[in-house]
Amino acid sequence: MGLSLTLRYASFRHKNKGAGRFVEFIVIALALAAIAMLLVTENIQIILASLCTLFFCLGSFWFFKNADQMRRAMPD
């Protein structure tokens, strides 16, 4: 299933370059916001939410890397 989803995103990213970049930029901004919240808060609930968000973003980065490798192999 993961490979199928990666291929679908790679195809979407290949056809819609601007929208794909926007999605990836939003995930990067979300990761930076989660890191900032980890640094400034002492509330345990916010720390846990930030950690979950950060793990989601790290998984998304891995997903984007795999999709980018597939996208580069696609013909124009």
N, C-alpha and C. Protein backbone atom coordinates (compact mmCIF):
# COMPACT_ATOMS: atom_id res chain seq x y z
N MET A 1 0.81 -1.19 0.00
CA MET A 1 0.00 0.00 0.00
C MET A 1 0.86 1.26 0.00
N GLY A 2 1.96 1.26 0.75
CA GLY A 2 2.81 2.42 0.83
C GLY A 2 3.41 2.80 -0.51
N LEU A 3 3.80 1.80 -1.29
CA LEU A 3 4.37 2.06 -2.60
C LEU A 3 3.32 2.65 -3.53
N SER A 4 2.10 2.18 -3.44
CA SER A 4 1.02 2.70 -4.26
C SER A 4 0.75 4.17 -3.94
N LEU A 5 0.71 4.50 -2.66
CA LEU A 5 0.48 5.88 -2.24
C LEU A 5 1.64 6.77 -2.68
N THR A 6 2.86 6.25 -2.56
CA THR A 6 4.02 7.01 -2.98
C THR A 6 3.97 7.28 -4.48
N LEU A 7 3.58 6.28 -5.25
CA LEU A 7 3.48 6.45 -6.70
C LEU A 7 2.38 7.46 -7.06
N ARG A 8 1.29 7.43 -6.35
CA ARG A 8 0.21 8.39 -6.61
C ARG A 8 0.66 9.82 -6.30
N TYR A 9 1.37 10.00 -5.18
CA TYR A 9 1.86 11.34 -4.85
C TYR A 9 2.92 11.79 -5.85
N ALA A 10 3.79 10.86 -6.27
CA ALA A 10 4.82 11.21 -7.26
C ALA A 10 4.16 11.65 -8.57
N SER A 11 3.10 10.97 -8.97
CA SER A 11 2.38 11.34 -10.18
C SER A 11 1.72 12.71 -10.02
N PHE A 12 1.09 12.94 -8.86
CA PHE A 12 0.49 14.24 -8.57
C PHE A 12 1.54 15.34 -8.59
N ARG A 13 2.68 15.08 -7.96
CA ARG A 13 3.76 16.07 -7.88
C ARG A 13 4.34 16.36 -9.26
N HIS A 14 4.37 15.33 -10.12
CA HIS A 14 4.90 15.50 -11.47
C HIS A 14 3.96 16.36 -12.33
N LYS A 15 2.66 16.19 -12.13
CA LYS A 15 1.68 16.95 -12.93
C LYS A 15 1.42 18.34 -12.37
N ASN A 16 1.47 18.49 -11.05
CA ASN A 16 1.15 19.76 -10.38
C ASN A 16 2.34 20.21 -9.54
N LYS A 17 3.32 20.79 -10.20
CA LYS A 17 4.56 21.15 -9.51
C LYS A 17 4.33 22.19 -8.41
N GLY A 18 3.53 23.19 -8.69
CA GLY A 18 3.29 24.25 -7.71
C GLY A 18 2.55 23.75 -6.48
N ALA A 19 1.51 22.98 -6.69
CA ALA A 19 0.73 22.46 -5.56
C ALA A 19 1.56 21.49 -4.73
N GLY A 20 2.37 20.67 -5.39
CA GLY A 20 3.23 19.74 -4.67
C GLY A 20 4.26 20.45 -3.81
N ARG A 21 4.85 21.51 -4.37
CA ARG A 21 5.81 22.30 -3.59
C ARG A 21 5.13 22.95 -2.40
N PHE A 22 3.90 23.43 -2.59
CA PHE A 22 3.16 24.06 -1.51
C PHE A 22 2.89 23.07 -0.38
N VAL A 23 2.49 21.85 -0.71
CA VAL A 23 2.25 20.82 0.30
C VAL A 23 3.52 20.54 1.08
N GLU A 24 4.64 20.40 0.38
CA GLU A 24 5.90 20.12 1.05
C GLU A 24 6.35 21.30 1.91
N PHE A 25 6.12 22.52 1.43
CA PHE A 25 6.46 23.71 2.22
C PHE A 25 5.63 23.78 3.50
N ILE A 26 4.36 23.44 3.42
CA ILE A 26 3.49 23.46 4.60
C ILE A 26 3.98 22.45 5.64
N VAL A 27 4.41 21.28 5.20
CA VAL A 27 4.92 20.27 6.14
C VAL A 27 6.22 20.75 6.79
N ILE A 28 7.08 21.42 6.02
CA ILE A 28 8.31 21.97 6.59
C ILE A 28 7.98 23.05 7.62
N ALA A 29 7.04 23.93 7.30
CA ALA A 29 6.64 24.98 8.24
C ALA A 29 6.03 24.37 9.50
N LEU A 30 5.25 23.32 9.35
CA LEU A 30 4.65 22.63 10.49
C LEU A 30 5.73 22.03 11.39
N ALA A 31 6.76 21.44 10.78
CA ALA A 31 7.86 20.86 11.55
C ALA A 31 8.62 21.95 12.31
N LEU A 32 8.86 23.08 11.66
CA LEU A 32 9.56 24.18 12.34
C LEU A 32 8.72 24.73 13.50
N ALA A 33 7.42 24.83 13.30
CA ALA A 33 6.55 25.30 14.38
C ALA A 33 6.54 24.31 15.55
N ALA A 34 6.56 23.01 15.25
CA ALA A 34 6.58 22.00 16.31
C ALA A 34 7.89 22.08 17.09
N ILE A 35 9.00 22.29 16.40
CA ILE A 35 10.29 22.42 17.08
C ILE A 35 10.29 23.67 17.95
N ALA A 36 9.75 24.77 17.44
CA ALA A 36 9.69 26.01 18.22
C ALA A 36 8.84 25.82 19.48
N MET A 37 7.72 25.11 19.34
CA MET A 37 6.87 24.87 20.51
C MET A 37 7.56 24.00 21.54
N LEU A 38 8.36 23.04 21.08
CA LEU A 38 9.11 22.20 22.02
C LEU A 38 10.10 23.04 22.82
N LEU A 39 10.66 24.05 22.19
CA LEU A 39 11.68 24.86 22.85
C LEU A 39 11.11 25.88 23.83
N VAL A 40 9.89 26.34 23.62
CA VAL A 40 9.37 27.43 24.44
C VAL A 40 8.35 27.02 25.49
N THR A 41 7.81 25.84 25.43
CA THR A 41 6.72 25.49 26.35
C THR A 41 7.19 24.56 27.47
N GLU A 42 6.45 24.61 28.56
CA GLU A 42 6.68 23.68 29.66
C GLU A 42 5.45 22.81 29.92
N ASN A 43 4.39 23.03 29.19
CA ASN A 43 3.15 22.27 29.33
C ASN A 43 3.34 20.89 28.67
N ILE A 44 3.10 19.84 29.43
CA ILE A 44 3.34 18.48 28.94
C ILE A 44 2.42 18.12 27.78
N GLN A 45 1.19 18.61 27.78
CA GLN A 45 0.27 18.29 26.68
C GLN A 45 0.74 18.92 25.36
N ILE A 46 1.23 20.13 25.43
CA ILE A 46 1.74 20.78 24.22
C ILE A 46 3.02 20.10 23.75
N ILE A 47 3.85 19.66 24.69
CA ILE A 47 5.08 18.94 24.32
C ILE A 47 4.73 17.63 23.60
N LEU A 48 3.75 16.89 24.13
CA LEU A 48 3.34 15.64 23.48
C LEU A 48 2.74 15.89 22.10
N ALA A 49 1.92 16.92 21.97
CA ALA A 49 1.35 17.24 20.66
C ALA A 49 2.44 17.65 19.68
N SER A 50 3.42 18.40 20.15
CA SER A 50 4.53 18.82 19.28
C SER A 50 5.37 17.63 18.86
N LEU A 51 5.60 16.70 19.77
CA LEU A 51 6.37 15.50 19.41
C LEU A 51 5.63 14.65 18.38
N CYS A 52 4.33 14.49 18.57
CA CYS A 52 3.54 13.73 17.58
C CYS A 52 3.57 14.42 16.22
N THR A 53 3.44 15.73 16.22
CA THR A 53 3.51 16.49 14.97
C THR A 53 4.87 16.34 14.32
N LEU A 54 5.92 16.38 15.12
CA LEU A 54 7.27 16.26 14.60
C LEU A 54 7.51 14.87 14.00
N PHE A 55 7.01 13.82 14.66
CA PHE A 55 7.15 12.47 14.11
C PHE A 55 6.36 12.32 12.81
N PHE A 56 5.19 12.93 12.74
CA PHE A 56 4.42 12.93 11.50
C PHE A 56 5.20 13.61 10.38
N CYS A 57 5.82 14.74 10.69
CA CYS A 57 6.58 15.47 9.67
C CYS A 57 7.81 14.68 9.23
N LEU A 58 8.47 14.01 10.16
CA LEU A 58 9.62 13.19 9.77
C LEU A 58 9.19 12.05 8.85
N GLY A 59 8.06 11.43 9.15
CA GLY A 59 7.54 10.40 8.25
C GLY A 59 7.17 10.98 6.89
N SER A 60 6.63 12.18 6.89
CA SER A 60 6.29 12.83 5.62
C SER A 60 7.54 13.15 4.81
N PHE A 61 8.61 13.56 5.49
CA PHE A 61 9.87 13.84 4.78
C PHE A 61 10.39 12.58 4.10
N TRP A 62 10.30 11.45 4.78
CA TRP A 62 10.73 10.18 4.19
C TRP A 62 9.85 9.84 2.99
N PHE A 63 8.55 10.06 3.15
CA PHE A 63 7.60 9.81 2.06
C PHE A 63 7.90 10.71 0.86
N PHE A 64 8.17 12.00 1.11
CA PHE A 64 8.48 12.93 0.02
C PHE A 64 9.78 12.53 -0.68
N LYS A 65 10.75 12.04 0.07
CA LYS A 65 12.02 11.61 -0.53
C LYS A 65 11.79 10.45 -1.49
N ASN A 66 11.02 9.46 -1.06
CA ASN A 66 10.71 8.32 -1.92
C ASN A 66 9.90 8.74 -3.15
N ALA A 67 8.95 9.63 -2.95
CA ALA A 67 8.14 10.11 -4.08
C ALA A 67 9.00 10.90 -5.06
N ASP A 68 9.96 11.66 -4.54
CA ASP A 68 10.83 12.43 -5.42
C ASP A 68 11.72 11.52 -6.26
N GLN A 69 12.19 10.43 -5.67
CA GLN A 69 12.99 9.47 -6.44
C GLN A 69 12.15 8.85 -7.56
N MET A 70 10.90 8.53 -7.28
CA MET A 70 10.01 7.99 -8.31
C MET A 70 9.70 9.04 -9.38
N ARG A 71 9.48 10.26 -8.94
CA ARG A 71 9.14 11.34 -9.87
C ARG A 71 10.28 11.62 -10.84
N ARG A 72 11.51 11.56 -10.35
CA ARG A 72 12.66 11.80 -11.23
C ARG A 72 12.81 10.72 -12.29
N ALA A 73 12.30 9.54 -12.03
CA ALA A 73 12.39 8.45 -13.00
C ALA A 73 11.28 8.53 -14.05
N MET A 74 10.27 9.38 -13.82
CA MET A 74 9.16 9.50 -14.77
C MET A 74 9.59 10.32 -15.99
N PRO A 75 9.12 9.92 -17.15
CA PRO A 75 9.42 10.74 -18.34
C PRO A 75 8.56 12.01 -18.34
N ASP A 76 9.06 13.05 -18.97
CA ASP A 76 8.30 14.30 -19.06
C ASP A 76 7.19 14.12 -20.05
